[in-house]
Amino acid sequence: MTPDPIARTSLPQRPTGLLGVVADWSSDQRSFKSASWGKAMMWIFLVSDTFIFSCFLISYMTVRLSTTVEWPNPSEIFALEFNGKKIPLILIAIMTFDLITSSGTMAMAVNFAYARERRKAAIMMIVTAVFGAAFVGMQAFEWTKLIHEGVRPWGNPFGAAQFGASFFMITGFHGFHVSVGVIFLLIVARAVWRGDYDSGRRGFFTSRRGRYEIVEIMGLYWHFVDLVWVFIFAFFYLW
């Protein structure tokens, strides 16, 4: 049986070209068919941020390989003295352990959130934020130590002048991401603790009742920040 041509022509026609793309993305559907808007937008942001960090690290490697002046030895620059003995990279090792541990607590927060154990989820998010704040504090100590020793973005007394610019740019940009993550973790943890996602209370992060997906979205961001630090640790401190 052939379809009725009159009924077929009476159906609304889907726009073509760019208007069709706009119509799809503005319709009441999940973007990419399997991910919510919040999760999709976070992935898009993380992909764009990956390009930025990649440019920073590639620029750092290019500068380090092309400079004719000796590059400072990270084991000596980032060593801390205890009882008259210098321990290389001890602070960096603690910072790395701190962030890796925070990834574990963030994963636990996501698990508790989807299990509707909101108090446990909020506590794990607060613990994650504490780890993040501790990381930023240790990074501030590291910056203060190097600035006191004469390291500047335009030069340093230990070797190649590009070392200071690379260090402050890369670690500063990453530290900014961690700081922003800590703030948003505390905001979301407060909403989870109060039960905003169960009560239907509307807000910037609580527009849908019974949805704890925001905790998973925060987890995506936090795991990304931790992963980026692994690359910074490998290329900047171990190389």
Protein backbone atom coordinates (compact mmCIF):
# COMPACT_ATOMS: atom_id res chain seq x y z
CA MET A 1 0.00 0.00 0.00
CA THR A 2 1.47 3.31 -1.08
CA PRO A 3 1.45 6.20 1.42
CA ASP A 4 -1.05 8.96 0.91
CA PRO A 5 0.80 11.82 -0.87
CA ILE A 6 -1.45 14.41 0.78
CA ALA A 7 -0.71 13.13 4.29
CA ARG A 8 2.99 12.96 3.50
CA THR A 9 3.15 16.54 2.25
CA SER A 10 1.23 17.80 5.30
CA LEU A 11 4.00 16.73 7.69
CA PRO A 12 6.45 19.46 8.74
CA GLN A 13 9.59 19.35 6.65
CA ARG A 14 12.98 19.22 8.36
CA PRO A 15 15.19 22.16 7.34
CA THR A 16 18.33 21.35 5.40
CA GLY A 17 21.89 22.56 5.75
CA LEU A 18 22.88 24.78 8.66
CA LEU A 19 19.25 25.38 9.64
CA GLY A 20 18.83 21.63 9.99
CA VAL A 21 21.76 21.44 12.38
CA VAL A 22 20.30 24.28 14.45
CA ALA A 23 16.89 22.57 14.45
CA ASP A 24 18.38 19.30 15.69
CA TRP A 25 20.37 20.92 18.49
CA SER A 26 17.47 23.12 19.61
CA SER A 27 14.91 20.29 19.64
CA ASP A 28 13.98 18.44 22.80
CA GLN A 29 16.53 15.66 22.33
CA ARG A 30 19.69 14.48 23.99
CA SER A 31 22.73 15.83 22.20
CA PHE A 32 24.66 13.04 20.47
CA LYS A 33 21.61 10.84 21.29
CA SER A 34 23.28 9.25 24.32
CA ALA A 35 24.58 12.15 26.43
CA SER A 36 22.77 14.94 28.21
CA TRP A 37 23.44 18.56 27.37
CA GLY A 38 25.50 19.11 30.52
CA LYS A 39 27.71 16.10 29.92
CA ALA A 40 28.13 16.86 26.22
CA MET A 41 29.11 20.47 26.90
CA MET A 42 31.62 19.35 29.52
CA TRP A 43 33.21 16.95 27.02
CA ILE A 44 33.42 19.73 24.43
CA PHE A 45 35.06 22.01 26.99
CA LEU A 46 37.54 19.30 27.99
CA VAL A 47 38.48 18.62 24.36
CA SER A 48 39.13 22.33 23.77
CA ASP A 49 41.12 22.51 27.01
CA THR A 50 43.16 19.51 25.88
CA PHE A 51 44.31 21.49 22.84
CA ILE A 52 45.38 24.40 25.06
CA PHE A 53 47.41 22.25 27.44
CA SER A 54 48.87 20.36 24.48
CA CYS A 55 50.03 23.65 22.94
CA PHE A 56 51.64 24.65 26.24
CA LEU A 57 53.50 21.35 26.64
CA ILE A 58 54.57 21.21 22.98
CA SER A 59 55.84 24.79 23.23
CA TYR A 60 57.72 23.86 26.40
CA MET A 61 59.39 20.87 24.73
CA THR A 62 60.25 22.96 21.67
CA VAL A 63 61.85 25.69 23.77
CA ARG A 64 63.77 23.23 25.89
CA LEU A 65 65.15 21.34 22.89
CA SER A 66 66.07 24.48 20.97
CA THR A 67 67.67 26.63 23.67
CA THR A 68 71.45 26.91 23.61
CA VAL A 69 71.66 27.72 27.32
CA GLU A 70 71.74 24.87 29.82
CA TRP A 71 68.31 24.01 31.18
CA PRO A 72 67.99 23.95 34.99
CA ASN A 73 67.99 20.49 36.57
CA PRO A 74 64.48 19.88 38.01
CA SER A 75 65.85 17.54 40.69
CA GLU A 76 67.91 20.42 42.09
CA ILE A 77 65.47 23.28 41.49
CA PHE A 78 62.52 21.49 43.10
CA ALA A 79 64.41 19.91 45.99
CA LEU A 80 63.54 20.65 49.61
CA GLU A 81 66.04 20.62 52.46
CA PHE A 82 65.39 18.53 55.59
CA ASN A 83 67.97 18.33 58.38
CA GLY A 84 70.62 19.77 56.10
CA LYS A 85 69.96 17.24 53.33
CA LYS A 86 68.21 18.05 50.04
CA ILE A 87 65.50 15.63 48.91
CA PRO A 88 64.75 16.03 45.17
CA LEU A 89 61.14 16.42 44.01
CA ILE A 90 59.71 15.50 47.40
CA LEU A 91 57.08 18.26 47.29
CA ILE A 92 56.13 17.38 43.71
CA ALA A 93 55.71 13.73 44.70
CA ILE A 94 53.37 14.72 47.54
CA MET A 95 51.37 16.97 45.22
CA THR A 96 51.01 14.16 42.69
CA PHE A 97 49.90 11.69 45.37
CA ASP A 98 47.43 14.29 46.61
CA LEU A 99 45.74 14.69 43.22
CA ILE A 100 45.69 10.96 42.47
CA THR A 101 44.02 10.35 45.83
CA SER A 102 41.46 13.06 45.07
CA SER A 103 40.48 11.19 41.90
CA GLY A 104 39.57 8.22 44.08
CA THR A 105 37.40 10.28 46.42
CA MET A 106 35.72 11.94 43.43
CA ALA A 107 34.87 8.55 41.95
CA MET A 108 33.38 7.53 45.29
CA ALA A 109 31.28 10.71 45.31
CA VAL A 110 29.83 9.88 41.89
CA ASN A 111 29.03 6.34 43.00
CA PHE A 112 27.29 7.53 46.18
CA ALA A 113 25.36 10.18 44.23
CA TYR A 114 23.83 7.70 41.80
CA ALA A 115 23.04 5.40 44.74
CA ARG A 116 21.09 8.37 46.25
CA GLU A 117 23.33 8.40 49.31
CA ARG A 118 23.58 12.16 49.14
CA ARG A 119 25.26 12.78 52.49
CA LYS A 120 28.11 10.38 51.66
CA ALA A 121 28.38 11.91 48.18
CA ALA A 122 28.61 15.42 49.63
CA ILE A 123 31.26 14.35 52.15
CA MET A 124 33.37 12.75 49.42
CA MET A 125 33.10 15.91 47.30
CA ILE A 126 34.19 18.03 50.26
CA VAL A 127 37.13 15.68 50.86
CA THR A 128 38.03 16.01 47.19
CA ALA A 129 37.88 19.80 47.49
CA VAL A 130 40.17 19.65 50.55
CA PHE A 131 42.70 17.63 48.55
CA GLY A 132 42.45 20.20 45.75
CA ALA A 133 42.92 23.12 48.14
CA ALA A 134 45.95 21.37 49.66
CA PHE A 135 47.41 20.99 46.17
CA VAL A 136 46.95 24.69 45.44
CA GLY A 137 48.52 25.54 48.80
CA MET A 138 51.58 23.41 48.05
CA GLN A 139 51.83 24.98 44.61
CA ALA A 140 51.72 28.44 46.19
CA PHE A 141 54.56 27.37 48.49
CA GLU A 142 56.53 26.15 45.48
CA TRP A 143 55.99 29.43 43.64
CA THR A 144 57.00 31.45 46.69
CA LYS A 145 60.20 29.43 47.11
CA LEU A 146 61.25 29.88 43.47
CA ILE A 147 60.39 33.58 43.41
CA HIS A 148 62.43 34.05 46.57
CA GLU A 149 65.34 32.32 44.82
CA GLY A 150 65.13 34.75 41.89
CA VAL A 151 63.08 32.83 39.31
CA ARG A 152 61.00 35.16 37.14
CA PRO A 153 58.97 34.73 33.91
CA TRP A 154 61.69 36.64 32.06
CA GLY A 155 64.69 34.86 33.56
CA ASN A 156 66.25 32.92 36.41
CA PRO A 157 69.70 32.51 37.97
CA PHE A 158 69.86 28.75 37.30
CA GLY A 159 70.09 28.62 33.50
CA ALA A 160 67.86 29.19 30.48
CA ALA A 161 65.65 32.25 30.79
CA GLN A 162 62.69 30.40 29.23
CA PHE A 163 62.46 28.14 32.28
CA GLY A 164 60.65 30.74 34.39
CA ALA A 165 58.11 31.60 31.69
CA SER A 166 57.36 27.92 31.01
CA PHE A 167 57.06 27.07 34.69
CA PHE A 168 54.73 29.90 35.70
CA MET A 169 52.57 29.61 32.57
CA ILE A 170 52.01 25.83 32.67
CA THR A 171 51.71 25.28 36.42
CA GLY A 172 49.77 28.53 36.88
CA PHE A 173 47.19 27.61 34.25
CA HIS A 174 46.77 24.16 35.79
CA GLY A 175 46.56 25.61 39.30
CA PHE A 176 43.81 27.94 38.10
CA HIS A 177 41.84 24.92 36.88
CA VAL A 178 42.25 23.21 40.25
CA SER A 179 41.13 26.35 42.11
CA VAL A 180 38.00 26.68 39.96
CA GLY A 181 37.29 22.98 40.49
CA VAL A 182 37.52 23.37 44.27
CA ILE A 183 35.00 26.22 44.23
CA PHE A 184 32.48 24.33 42.11
CA LEU A 185 32.95 21.14 44.12
CA LEU A 186 31.94 23.00 47.26
CA ILE A 187 28.94 24.59 45.52
CA VAL A 188 27.64 21.27 44.22
CA ALA A 189 28.42 19.49 47.51
CA ARG A 190 26.28 22.06 49.36
CA ALA A 191 23.38 21.44 46.99
CA VAL A 192 23.73 17.67 47.35
CA TRP A 193 23.93 17.88 51.14
CA ARG A 194 20.76 20.00 51.36
CA GLY A 195 18.90 17.57 49.09
CA ASP A 196 18.19 20.15 46.39
CA TYR A 197 18.18 17.45 43.71
CA ASP A 198 15.49 15.50 45.57
CA SER A 199 13.32 18.40 46.70
CA GLY A 200 13.05 19.96 43.25
CA ARG A 201 14.45 23.27 44.48
CA ARG A 202 15.43 25.22 41.39
CA GLY A 203 18.82 26.81 41.00
CA PHE A 204 21.73 27.19 38.62
CA PHE A 205 22.82 23.58 39.22
CA THR A 206 19.47 22.11 40.27
CA SER A 207 16.99 22.71 37.46
CA ARG A 208 15.88 19.06 37.29
CA ARG A 209 14.49 17.10 40.16
CA GLY A 210 16.12 13.82 41.09
CA ARG A 211 19.13 14.35 38.81
CA TYR A 212 22.57 13.77 40.29
CA GLU A 213 24.32 13.87 36.94
CA ILE A 214 25.99 17.16 37.91
CA VAL A 215 28.18 15.15 40.30
CA GLU A 216 29.37 12.99 37.41
CA ILE A 217 29.98 16.10 35.30
CA MET A 218 32.13 17.54 38.09
CA GLY A 219 33.92 14.18 38.19
CA LEU A 220 34.76 14.44 34.49
CA TYR A 221 36.30 17.85 35.05
CA TRP A 222 38.24 16.76 38.10
CA HIS A 223 39.63 13.60 36.49
CA PHE A 224 40.73 15.70 33.52
CA VAL A 225 42.60 18.12 35.79
CA ASP A 226 44.32 15.15 37.47
CA LEU A 227 45.25 13.60 34.13
CA VAL A 228 46.76 16.85 32.88
CA TRP A 229 48.93 17.01 36.00
CA VAL A 230 50.33 13.56 35.19
CA PHE A 231 51.60 14.90 31.85
CA ILE A 232 52.96 18.07 33.47
CA PHE A 233 54.70 15.94 36.09
CA ALA A 234 56.25 13.69 33.44
CA PHE A 235 57.36 16.36 30.98
CA PHE A 236 58.27 19.22 33.29
CA TYR A 237 59.56 17.61 36.46
CA LEU A 238 60.96 14.22 35.38
CA TRP A 239 62.46 15.17 32.01
